[in-house]
Amino acid sequence: LTVLVDGKKIAMEVVIFPTVETVHSVLQRTSDGSHAHPKLVLVRWQAKRSEPKLASVEVSFPPNVGPVLVTYLQPRSQLVKPGSQASFHQWGPPKAAGQ
């Protein structure tokens, strides 16, 4: 696994890794035939440090891993005083006035 943040390699740590029994269980499941979904096993990594104002994240895997579904999550936190509320807005470019 290689993770680049704004073109610079960052250190990652494994948070969740499947047991041999979990992998065997997933591989033995049969599909009902209505959909051809790959069999997925959850493996979770997280960055050892955060990057303020990051612009890009690139994740690379070796070819012997097979197909990989990658989900990128960036936690956002706010300190809320009693009686106040936390507000999180949708990611993306700011909307122009009047939209």
PDB file of N, CA and C in Angstrom:
ATOM      1  N   LEU A   1       0.844  -1.189   0.000  1.00  0.00           N
ATOM      2  CA  LEU A   1       0.000   0.000   0.000  1.00  0.00           C
ATOM      3  C   LEU A   1       0.880   1.239   0.000  1.00  0.00           C
ATOM      4  N   THR A   2       0.623   2.128  -0.928  1.00  0.00           N
ATOM      5  CA  THR A   2       1.322   3.410  -0.971  1.00  0.00           C
ATOM      6  C   THR A   2       0.271   4.503  -0.967  1.00  0.00           C
ATOM      7  N   VAL A   3       0.418   5.467  -0.076  1.00  0.00           N
ATOM      8  CA  VAL A   3      -0.509   6.589   0.002  1.00  0.00           C
ATOM      9  C   VAL A   3       0.286   7.880  -0.168  1.00  0.00           C
ATOM     10  N   LEU A   4      -0.127   8.670  -1.144  1.00  0.00           N
ATOM     11  CA  LEU A   4       0.486   9.968  -1.388  1.00  0.00           C
ATOM     12  C   LEU A   4      -0.526  11.057  -1.079  1.00  0.00           C
ATOM     13  N   VAL A   5      -0.123  12.030  -0.293  1.00  0.00           N
ATOM     14  CA  VAL A   5      -0.954  13.196  -0.004  1.00  0.00           C
ATOM     15  C   VAL A   5      -0.234  14.391  -0.607  1.00  0.00           C
ATOM     16  N   ASP A   6      -0.886  15.013  -1.564  1.00  0.00           N
ATOM     17  CA  ASP A   6      -0.290  16.123  -2.314  1.00  0.00           C
ATOM     18  C   ASP A   6       1.086  15.738  -2.851  1.00  0.00           C
ATOM     19  N   GLY A   7       1.195  14.473  -3.337  1.00  0.00           N
ATOM     20  CA  GLY A   7       2.420  14.001  -3.964  1.00  0.00           C
ATOM     21  C   GLY A   7       3.495  13.500  -3.013  1.00  0.00           C
ATOM     22  N   LYS A   8       3.257  13.553  -1.688  1.00  0.00           N
ATOM     23  CA  LYS A   8       4.248  13.108  -0.710  1.00  0.00           C
ATOM     24  C   LYS A   8       3.750  11.852  -0.010  1.00  0.00           C
ATOM     25  N   LYS A   9       4.636  10.837   0.079  1.00  0.00           N
ATOM     26  CA  LYS A   9       4.272   9.581   0.739  1.00  0.00           C
ATOM     27  C   LYS A   9       4.078   9.828   2.235  1.00  0.00           C
ATOM     28  N   ILE A  10       2.985   9.257   2.792  1.00  0.00           N
ATOM     29  CA  ILE A  10       2.750   9.393   4.224  1.00  0.00           C
ATOM     30  C   ILE A  10       2.673   8.013   4.864  1.00  0.00           C
ATOM     31  N   ALA A  11       2.976   7.953   6.141  1.00  0.00           N
ATOM     32  CA  ALA A  11       2.935   6.704   6.887  1.00  0.00           C
ATOM     33  C   ALA A  11       1.491   6.366   7.250  1.00  0.00           C
ATOM     34  N   MET A  12       1.163   5.072   7.135  1.00  0.00           N
ATOM     35  CA  MET A  12      -0.171   4.595   7.462  1.00  0.00           C
ATOM     36  C   MET A  12      -0.055   3.537   8.554  1.00  0.00           C
ATOM     37  N   GLU A  13      -1.149   3.338   9.312  1.00  0.00           N
ATOM     38  CA  GLU A  13      -1.188   2.263  10.292  1.00  0.00           C
ATOM     39  C   GLU A  13      -2.452   1.448  10.080  1.00  0.00           C
ATOM     40  N   VAL A  14      -2.342   0.129  10.267  1.00  0.00           N
ATOM     41  CA  VAL A  14      -3.485  -0.766  10.104  1.00  0.00           C
ATOM     42  C   VAL A  14      -4.384  -0.644  11.323  1.00  0.00           C
ATOM     43  N   VAL A  15      -5.677  -0.429  11.087  1.00  0.00           N
ATOM     44  CA  VAL A  15      -6.657  -0.324  12.160  1.00  0.00           C
ATOM     45  C   VAL A  15      -7.475  -1.612  12.246  1.00  0.00           C
ATOM     46  N   ILE A  16      -7.861  -2.155  11.091  1.00  0.00           N
ATOM     47  CA  ILE A  16      -8.640  -3.398  11.028  1.00  0.00           C
ATOM     48  C   ILE A  16      -8.001  -4.299   9.980  1.00  0.00           C
ATOM     49  N   PHE A  17      -7.752  -5.547  10.339  1.00  0.00           N
ATOM     50  CA  PHE A  17      -7.213  -6.516   9.396  1.00  0.00           C
ATOM     51  C   PHE A  17      -7.923  -7.840   9.647  1.00  0.00           C
ATOM     52  N   PRO A  18      -8.399  -8.519   8.592  1.00  0.00           N
ATOM     53  CA  PRO A  18      -9.204  -9.727   8.782  1.00  0.00           C
ATOM     54  C   PRO A  18      -8.378 -10.923   9.261  1.00  0.00           C
ATOM     55  N   THR A  19      -9.055 -11.794   9.986  1.00  0.00           N
ATOM     56  CA  THR A  19      -8.432 -13.057  10.375  1.00  0.00           C
ATOM     57  C   THR A  19      -8.523 -14.032   9.200  1.00  0.00           C
ATOM     58  N   VAL A  20      -7.773 -15.109   9.264  1.00  0.00           N
ATOM     59  CA  VAL A  20      -7.839 -16.149   8.235  1.00  0.00           C
ATOM     60  C   VAL A  20      -9.257 -16.710   8.171  1.00  0.00           C
ATOM     61  N   GLU A  21      -9.891 -16.884   9.325  1.00  0.00           N
ATOM     62  CA  GLU A  21     -11.263 -17.414   9.368  1.00  0.00           C
ATOM     63  C   GLU A  21     -12.240 -16.480   8.650  1.00  0.00           C
ATOM     64  N   THR A  22     -12.072 -15.173   8.816  1.00  0.00           N
ATOM     65  CA  THR A  22     -12.944 -14.205   8.138  1.00  0.00           C
ATOM     66  C   THR A  22     -12.782 -14.295   6.626  1.00  0.00           C
ATOM     67  N   VAL A  23     -11.550 -14.371   6.158  1.00  0.00           N
ATOM     68  CA  VAL A  23     -11.295 -14.480   4.708  1.00  0.00           C
ATOM     69  C   VAL A  23     -11.916 -15.755   4.164  1.00  0.00           C
ATOM     70  N   HIS A  24     -11.733 -16.877   4.842  1.00  0.00           N
ATOM     71  CA  HIS A  24     -12.323 -18.147   4.395  1.00  0.00           C
ATOM     72  C   HIS A  24     -13.840 -18.055   4.346  1.00  0.00           C
ATOM     73  N   SER A  25     -14.446 -17.420   5.365  1.00  0.00           N
ATOM     74  CA  SER A  25     -15.901 -17.271   5.406  1.00  0.00           C
ATOM     75  C   SER A  25     -16.407 -16.469   4.208  1.00  0.00           C
ATOM     76  N   VAL A  26     -15.733 -15.376   3.884  1.00  0.00           N
ATOM     77  CA  VAL A  26     -16.144 -14.538   2.747  1.00  0.00           C
ATOM     78  C   VAL A  26     -16.004 -15.311   1.445  1.00  0.00           C
ATOM     79  N   LEU A  27     -14.924 -16.045   1.281  1.00  0.00           N
ATOM     80  CA  LEU A  27     -14.697 -16.784   0.044  1.00  0.00           C
ATOM     81  C   LEU A  27     -15.688 -17.931  -0.141  1.00  0.00           C
ATOM     82  N   GLN A  28     -16.250 -18.447   0.947  1.00  0.00           N
ATOM     83  CA  GLN A  28     -17.190 -19.564   0.856  1.00  0.00           C
ATOM     84  C   GLN A  28     -18.637 -19.128   0.636  1.00  0.00           C
ATOM     85  N   ARG A  29     -18.922 -17.831   0.770  1.00  0.00           N
ATOM     86  CA  ARG A  29     -20.288 -17.348   0.547  1.00  0.00           C
ATOM     87  C   ARG A  29     -20.661 -17.507  -0.911  1.00  0.00           C
ATOM     88  N   THR A  30     -21.919 -17.872  -1.143  1.00  0.00           N
ATOM     89  CA  THR A  30     -22.389 -17.989  -2.525  1.00  0.00           C
ATOM     90  C   THR A  30     -23.337 -16.846  -2.830  1.00  0.00           C
ATOM     91  N   SER A  31     -23.377 -16.454  -4.074  1.00  0.00           N
ATOM     92  CA  SER A  31     -24.269 -15.396  -4.532  1.00  0.00           C
ATOM     93  C   SER A  31     -25.590 -16.002  -4.967  1.00  0.00           C
ATOM     94  N   ASP A  32     -26.653 -15.209  -4.918  1.00  0.00           N
ATOM     95  CA  ASP A  32     -27.957 -15.695  -5.384  1.00  0.00           C
ATOM     96  C   ASP A  32     -28.053 -15.660  -6.903  1.00  0.00           C
ATOM     97  N   GLY A  33     -26.994 -15.183  -7.572  1.00  0.00           N
ATOM     98  CA  GLY A  33     -26.965 -15.164  -9.029  1.00  0.00           C
ATOM     99  C   GLY A  33     -27.537 -13.906  -9.646  1.00  0.00           C
ATOM    100  N   SER A  34     -28.201 -13.062  -8.849  1.00  0.00           N
ATOM    101  CA  SER A  34     -28.820 -11.871  -9.433  1.00  0.00           C
ATOM    102  C   SER A  34     -27.824 -10.740  -9.661  1.00  0.00           C
ATOM    103  N   HIS A  35     -26.747 -10.731  -8.939  1.00  0.00           N
ATOM    104  CA  HIS A  35     -25.724  -9.703  -9.106  1.00  0.00           C
ATOM    105  C   HIS A  35     -24.352 -10.354  -9.054  1.00  0.00           C
ATOM    106  N   ALA A  36     -23.425  -9.800  -9.806  1.00  0.00           N
ATOM    107  CA  ALA A  36     -22.060 -10.317  -9.801  1.00  0.00           C
ATOM    108  C   ALA A  36     -21.166  -9.355  -9.022  1.00  0.00           C
ATOM    109  N   HIS A  37     -21.277  -9.397  -7.695  1.00  0.00           N
ATOM    110  CA  HIS A  37     -20.463  -8.529  -6.852  1.00  0.00           C
ATOM    111  C   HIS A  37     -19.188  -9.251  -6.444  1.00  0.00           C
ATOM    112  N   PRO A  38     -18.067  -8.532  -6.399  1.00  0.00           N
ATOM    113  CA  PRO A  38     -16.853  -9.175  -5.898  1.00  0.00           C
ATOM    114  C   PRO A  38     -17.001  -9.447  -4.407  1.00  0.00           C
ATOM    115  N   LYS A  39     -16.292 -10.436  -3.929  1.00  0.00           N
ATOM    116  CA  LYS A  39     -16.300 -10.740  -2.503  1.00  0.00           C
ATOM    117  C   LYS A  39     -15.270  -9.836  -1.846  1.00  0.00           C
ATOM    118  N   LEU A  40     -15.718  -9.026  -0.888  1.00  0.00           N
ATOM    119  CA  LEU A  40     -14.853  -8.028  -0.273  1.00  0.00           C
ATOM    120  C   LEU A  40     -14.530  -8.391   1.175  1.00  0.00           C
ATOM    121  N   VAL A  41     -13.303  -8.109   1.570  1.00  0.00           N
ATOM    122  CA  VAL A  41     -12.855  -8.280   2.941  1.00  0.00           C
ATOM    123  C   VAL A  41     -12.408  -6.904   3.428  1.00  0.00           C
ATOM    124  N   LEU A  42     -12.872  -6.497   4.608  1.00  0.00           N
ATOM    125  CA  LEU A  42     -12.555  -5.174   5.131  1.00  0.00           C
ATOM    126  C   LEU A  42     -11.147  -5.132   5.712  1.00  0.00           C
ATOM    127  N   VAL A  43     -10.358  -4.183   5.214  1.00  0.00           N
ATOM    128  CA  VAL A  43      -9.053  -3.838   5.779  1.00  0.00           C
ATOM    129  C   VAL A  43      -9.066  -2.322   5.908  1.00  0.00           C
ATOM    130  N   ARG A  44      -8.706  -1.823   7.080  1.00  0.00           N
ATOM    131  CA  ARG A  44      -8.776  -0.369   7.289  1.00  0.00           C
ATOM    132  C   ARG A  44      -7.427   0.161   7.757  1.00  0.00           C
ATOM    133  N   TRP A  45      -6.967   1.222   7.066  1.00  0.00           N
ATOM    134  CA  TRP A  45      -5.753   1.938   7.446  1.00  0.00           C
ATOM    135  C   TRP A  45      -6.136   3.366   7.776  1.00  0.00           C
ATOM    136  N   GLN A  46      -5.299   4.000   8.577  1.00  0.00           N
ATOM    137  CA  GLN A  46      -5.475   5.434   8.786  1.00  0.00           C
ATOM    138  C   GLN A  46      -4.108   6.101   8.787  1.00  0.00           C
ATOM    139  N   ALA A  47      -4.117   7.372   8.422  1.00  0.00           N
ATOM    140  CA  ALA A  47      -2.861   8.125   8.400  1.00  0.00           C
ATOM    141  C   ALA A  47      -2.379   8.335   9.824  1.00  0.00           C
ATOM    142  N   LYS A  48      -1.064   8.283   9.996  1.00  0.00           N
ATOM    143  CA  LYS A  48      -0.494   8.510  11.325  1.00  0.00           C
ATOM    144  C   LYS A  48      -0.507   9.987  11.697  1.00  0.00           C
ATOM    145  N   ARG A  49      -0.715  10.840  10.714  1.00  0.00           N
ATOM    146  CA  ARG A  49      -0.827  12.277  10.979  1.00  0.00           C
ATOM    147  C   ARG A  49      -1.779  12.881   9.957  1.00  0.00           C
ATOM    148  N   SER A  50      -2.330  14.016  10.275  1.00  0.00           N
ATOM    149  CA  SER A  50      -3.264  14.658   9.349  1.00  0.00           C
ATOM    150  C   SER A  50      -2.543  15.752   8.567  1.00  0.00           C
ATOM    151  N   GLU A  51      -3.118  16.086   7.445  1.00  0.00           N
ATOM    152  CA  GLU A  51      -2.563  17.118   6.579  1.00  0.00           C
ATOM    153  C   GLU A  51      -3.581  18.249   6.458  1.00  0.00           C
ATOM    154  N   PRO A  52      -3.249  19.432   6.954  1.00  0.00           N
ATOM    155  CA  PRO A  52      -4.197  20.547   6.799  1.00  0.00           C
ATOM    156  C   PRO A  52      -4.294  20.976   5.338  1.00  0.00           C
ATOM    157  N   LYS A  53      -5.496  21.254   4.906  1.00  0.00           N
ATOM    158  CA  LYS A  53      -5.748  21.780   3.558  1.00  0.00           C
ATOM    159  C   LYS A  53      -5.183  20.895   2.460  1.00  0.00           C
ATOM    160  N   LEU A  54      -5.350  19.586   2.557  1.00  0.00           N
ATOM    161  CA  LEU A  54      -4.829  18.722   1.513  1.00  0.00           C
ATOM    162  C   LEU A  54      -5.633  18.891   0.228  1.00  0.00           C
ATOM    163  N   ALA A  55      -4.940  18.730  -0.896  1.00  0.00           N
ATOM    164  CA  ALA A  55      -5.575  18.909  -2.206  1.00  0.00           C
ATOM    165  C   ALA A  55      -5.820  17.594  -2.912  1.00  0.00           C
ATOM    166  N   SER A  56      -4.960  16.572  -2.677  1.00  0.00           N
ATOM    167  CA  SER A  56      -5.150  15.301  -3.369  1.00  0.00           C
ATOM    168  C   SER A  56      -4.650  14.140  -2.520  1.00  0.00           C
ATOM    169  N   VAL A  57      -5.297  12.986  -2.710  1.00  0.00           N
ATOM    170  CA  VAL A  57      -4.905  11.748  -2.048  1.00  0.00           C
ATOM    171  C   VAL A  57      -4.851  10.670  -3.122  1.00  0.00           C
ATOM    172  N   GLU A  58      -3.736   9.940  -3.216  1.00  0.00           N
ATOM    173  CA  GLU A  58      -3.578   8.850  -4.177  1.00  0.00           C
ATOM    174  C   GLU A  58      -3.213   7.594  -3.409  1.00  0.00           C
ATOM    175  N   VAL A  59      -3.893   6.483  -3.721  1.00  0.00           N
ATOM    176  CA  VAL A  59      -3.648   5.210  -3.052  1.00  0.00           C
ATOM    177  C   VAL A  59      -3.298   4.178  -4.123  1.00  0.00           C
ATOM    178  N   SER A  60      -2.185   3.458  -3.933  1.00  0.00           N
ATOM    179  CA  SER A  60      -1.751   2.429  -4.878  1.00  0.00           C
ATOM    180  C   SER A  60      -1.595   1.101  -4.160  1.00  0.00           C
ATOM    181  N   PHE A  61      -1.964   0.023  -4.850  1.00  0.00           N
ATOM    182  CA  PHE A  61      -1.858  -1.330  -4.321  1.00  0.00           C
ATOM    183  C   PHE A  61      -1.051  -2.181  -5.283  1.00  0.00           C
ATOM    184  N   PRO A  62      -0.356  -3.205  -4.773  1.00  0.00           N
ATOM    185  CA  PRO A  62       0.362  -4.105  -5.682  1.00  0.00           C
ATOM    186  C   PRO A  62      -0.626  -4.911  -6.519  1.00  0.00           C
ATOM    187  N   PRO A  63      -0.240  -5.351  -7.724  1.00  0.00           N
ATOM    188  CA  PRO A  63      -1.168  -6.057  -8.608  1.00  0.00           C
ATOM    189  C   PRO A  63      -1.659  -7.395  -8.072  1.00  0.00           C
ATOM    190  N   ASN A  64      -0.918  -8.045  -7.189  1.00  0.00           N
ATOM    191  CA  ASN A  64      -1.348  -9.355  -6.680  1.00  0.00           C
ATOM    192  C   ASN A  64      -2.474  -9.266  -5.655  1.00  0.00           C
ATOM    193  N   VAL A  65      -2.884  -8.061  -5.273  1.00  0.00           N
ATOM    194  CA  VAL A  65      -3.984  -7.893  -4.322  1.00  0.00           C
ATOM    195  C   VAL A  65      -5.331  -8.145  -4.994  1.00  0.00           C
ATOM    196  N   GLY A  66      -5.448  -7.874  -6.274  1.00  0.00           N
ATOM    197  CA  GLY A  66      -6.713  -8.011  -6.982  1.00  0.00           C
ATOM    198  C   GLY A  66      -7.508  -6.719  -6.899  1.00  0.00           C
ATOM    199  N   PRO A  67      -8.797  -6.758  -7.294  1.00  0.00           N
ATOM    200  CA  PRO A  67      -9.611  -5.545  -7.258  1.00  0.00           C
ATOM    201  C   PRO A  67      -9.761  -5.029  -5.825  1.00  0.00           C
ATOM    202  N   VAL A  68      -9.717  -3.713  -5.679  1.00  0.00           N
ATOM    203  CA  VAL A  68      -9.813  -3.074  -4.363  1.00  0.00           C
ATOM    204  C   VAL A  68     -10.840  -1.955  -4.435  1.00  0.00           C
ATOM    205  N   LEU A  69     -11.765  -1.937  -3.486  1.00  0.00           N
ATOM    206  CA  LEU A  69     -12.714  -0.832  -3.338  1.00  0.00           C
ATOM    207  C   LEU A  69     -12.118   0.110  -2.303  1.00  0.00           C
ATOM    208  N   VAL A  70     -11.820   1.340  -2.693  1.00  0.00           N
ATOM    209  CA  VAL A  70     -11.190   2.307  -1.800  1.00  0.00           C
ATOM    210  C   VAL A  70     -12.225   3.350  -1.393  1.00  0.00           C
ATOM    211  N   THR A  71     -12.332   3.575  -0.095  1.00  0.00           N
ATOM    212  CA  THR A  71     -13.203   4.627   0.434  1.00  0.00           C
ATOM    213  C   THR A  71     -12.328   5.569   1.244  1.00  0.00           C
ATOM    214  N   TYR A  72     -12.416   6.849   0.957  1.00  0.00           N
ATOM    215  CA  TYR A  72     -11.615   7.857   1.643  1.00  0.00           C
ATOM    216  C   TYR A  72     -12.522   8.619   2.601  1.00  0.00           C
ATOM    217  N   LEU A  73     -12.158   8.638   3.872  1.00  0.00           N
ATOM    218  CA  LEU A  73     -12.914   9.380   4.876  1.00  0.00           C
ATOM    219  C   LEU A  73     -12.002  10.396   5.527  1.00  0.00           C
ATOM    220  N   GLN A  74     -12.477  11.601   5.641  1.00  0.00           N
ATOM    221  CA  GLN A  74     -11.700  12.634   6.315  1.00  0.00           C
ATOM    222  C   GLN A  74     -12.539  13.153   7.476  1.00  0.00           C
ATOM    223  N   PRO A  75     -12.235  12.673   8.687  1.00  0.00           N
ATOM    224  CA  PRO A  75     -13.016  13.150   9.831  1.00  0.00           C
ATOM    225  C   PRO A  75     -12.859  14.652  10.015  1.00  0.00           C
ATOM    226  N   ARG A  76     -13.926  15.263  10.413  1.00  0.00           N
ATOM    227  CA  ARG A  76     -13.901  16.688  10.721  1.00  0.00           C
ATOM    228  C   ARG A  76     -14.470  16.858  12.120  1.00  0.00           C
ATOM    229  N   SER A  77     -13.835  17.671  12.903  1.00  0.00           N
ATOM    230  CA  SER A  77     -14.239  17.845  14.299  1.00  0.00           C
ATOM    231  C   SER A  77     -14.404  19.314  14.629  1.00  0.00           C
ATOM    232  N   GLN A  78     -15.267  19.581  15.603  1.00  0.00           N
ATOM    233  CA  GLN A  78     -15.438  20.928  16.128  1.00  0.00           C
ATOM    234  C   GLN A  78     -15.636  20.821  17.632  1.00  0.00           C
ATOM    235  N   LEU A  79     -15.066  21.764  18.368  1.00  0.00           N
ATOM    236  CA  LEU A  79     -15.305  21.863  19.800  1.00  0.00           C
ATOM    237  C   LEU A  79     -16.569  22.698  19.979  1.00  0.00           C
ATOM    238  N   VAL A  80     -17.546  22.153  20.691  1.00  0.00           N
ATOM    239  CA  VAL A  80     -18.836  22.833  20.842  1.00  0.00           C
ATOM    240  C   VAL A  80     -19.033  23.205  22.306  1.00  0.00           C
ATOM    241  N   LYS A  81     -19.310  24.473  22.549  1.00  0.00           N
ATOM    242  CA  LYS A  81     -19.579  24.942  23.906  1.00  0.00           C
ATOM    243  C   LYS A  81     -21.000  24.566  24.284  1.00  0.00           C
ATOM    244  N   PRO A  82     -21.295  24.418  25.579  1.00  0.00           N
ATOM    245  CA  PRO A  82     -22.659  24.095  26.005  1.00  0.00           C
ATOM    246  C   PRO A  82     -23.666  25.094  25.420  1.00  0.00           C
ATOM    247  N   GLY A  83     -24.754  24.576  24.885  1.00  0.00           N
ATOM    248  CA  GLY A  83     -25.794  25.415  24.293  1.00  0.00           C
ATOM    249  C   GLY A  83     -25.529  25.792  22.850  1.00  0.00           C
ATOM    250  N   SER A  84     -24.378  25.398  22.300  1.00  0.00           N
ATOM    251  CA  SER A  84     -24.038  25.707  20.904  1.00  0.00           C
ATOM    252  C   SER A  84     -24.287  24.476  20.043  1.00  0.00           C
ATOM    253  N   GLN A  85     -24.061  24.602  18.745  1.00  0.00           N
ATOM    254  CA  GLN A  85     -24.202  23.462  17.848  1.00  0.00           C
ATOM    255  C   GLN A  85     -23.005  23.366  16.927  1.00  0.00           C
ATOM    256  N   ALA A  86     -22.697  22.157  16.493  1.00  0.00           N
ATOM    257  CA  ALA A  86     -21.655  21.931  15.497  1.00  0.00           C
ATOM    258  C   ALA A  86     -22.315  21.957  14.125  1.00  0.00           C
ATOM    259  N   SER A  87     -21.664  22.545  13.159  1.00  0.00           N
ATOM    260  CA  SER A  87     -22.220  22.647  11.818  1.00  0.00           C
ATOM    261  C   SER A  87     -21.160  22.207  10.808  1.00  0.00           C
ATOM    262  N   PHE A  88     -21.512  21.218   9.988  1.00  0.00           N
ATOM    263  CA  PHE A  88     -20.616  20.715   8.952  1.00  0.00           C
ATOM    264  C   PHE A  88     -21.290  20.914   7.614  1.00  0.00           C
ATOM    265  N   HIS A  89     -20.597  21.546   6.691  1.00  0.00           N
ATOM    266  CA  HIS A  89     -21.158  21.835   5.371  1.00  0.00           C
ATOM    267  C   HIS A  89     -20.610  20.851   4.353  1.00  0.00           C
ATOM    268  N   GLN A  90     -21.352  20.650   3.289  1.00  0.00           N
ATOM    269  CA  GLN A  90     -20.974  19.728   2.217  1.00  0.00           C
ATOM    270  C   GLN A  90     -19.639  20.137   1.616  1.00  0.00           C
ATOM    271  N   TRP A  91     -18.815  19.114   1.305  1.00  0.00           N
ATOM    272  CA  TRP A  91     -17.534  19.385   0.666  1.00  0.00           C
ATOM    273  C   TRP A  91     -17.775  19.851  -0.751  1.00  0.00           C
ATOM    274  N   GLY A  92     -16.801  20.464  -1.311  1.00  0.00           N
ATOM    275  CA  GLY A  92     -16.880  20.906  -2.696  1.00  0.00           C
ATOM    276  C   GLY A  92     -16.624  22.394  -2.775  1.00  0.00           C
ATOM    277  N   PRO A  93     -16.560  22.914  -3.983  1.00  0.00           N
ATOM    278  CA  PRO A  93     -16.282  24.340  -4.138  1.00  0.00           C
ATOM    279  C   PRO A  93     -17.453  25.149  -3.598  1.00  0.00           C
ATOM    280  N   PRO A  94     -17.180  26.328  -3.071  1.00  0.00           N
ATOM    281  CA  PRO A  94     -18.261  27.195  -2.580  1.00  0.00           C
ATOM    282  C   PRO A  94     -19.203  27.568  -3.717  1.00  0.00           C
ATOM    283  N   LYS A  95     -20.483  27.661  -3.399  1.00  0.00           N
ATOM    284  CA  LYS A  95     -21.456  28.048  -4.414  1.00  0.00           C
ATOM    285  C   LYS A  95     -21.412  29.556  -4.611  1.00  0.00           C
ATOM    286  N   ALA A  96     -21.669  29.969  -5.842  1.00  0.00           N
ATOM    287  CA  ALA A  96     -21.719  31.405  -6.151  1.00  0.00           C
ATOM    288  C   ALA A  96     -22.954  31.991  -5.491  1.00  0.00           C
ATOM    289  N   ALA A  97     -22.924  33.277  -5.213  1.00  0.00           N
ATOM    290  CA  ALA A  97     -24.063  33.969  -4.593  1.00  0.00           C
ATOM    291  C   ALA A  97     -25.301  33.756  -5.445  1.00  0.00           C
ATOM    292  N   GLY A  98     -26.430  33.486  -4.791  1.00  0.00           N
ATOM    293  CA  GLY A  98     -27.690  33.311  -5.483  1.00  0.00           C
ATOM    294  C   GLY A  98     -27.984  31.883  -5.878  1.00  0.00           C
ATOM    295  N   GLN A  99     -27.092  30.940  -5.618  1.00  0.00           N
ATOM    296  CA  GLN A  99     -27.343  29.531  -5.987  1.00  0.00           C
ATOM    297  C   GLN A  99     -27.904  28.774  -4.828  1.00  0.00           C
TER     298      GLN A  99
END
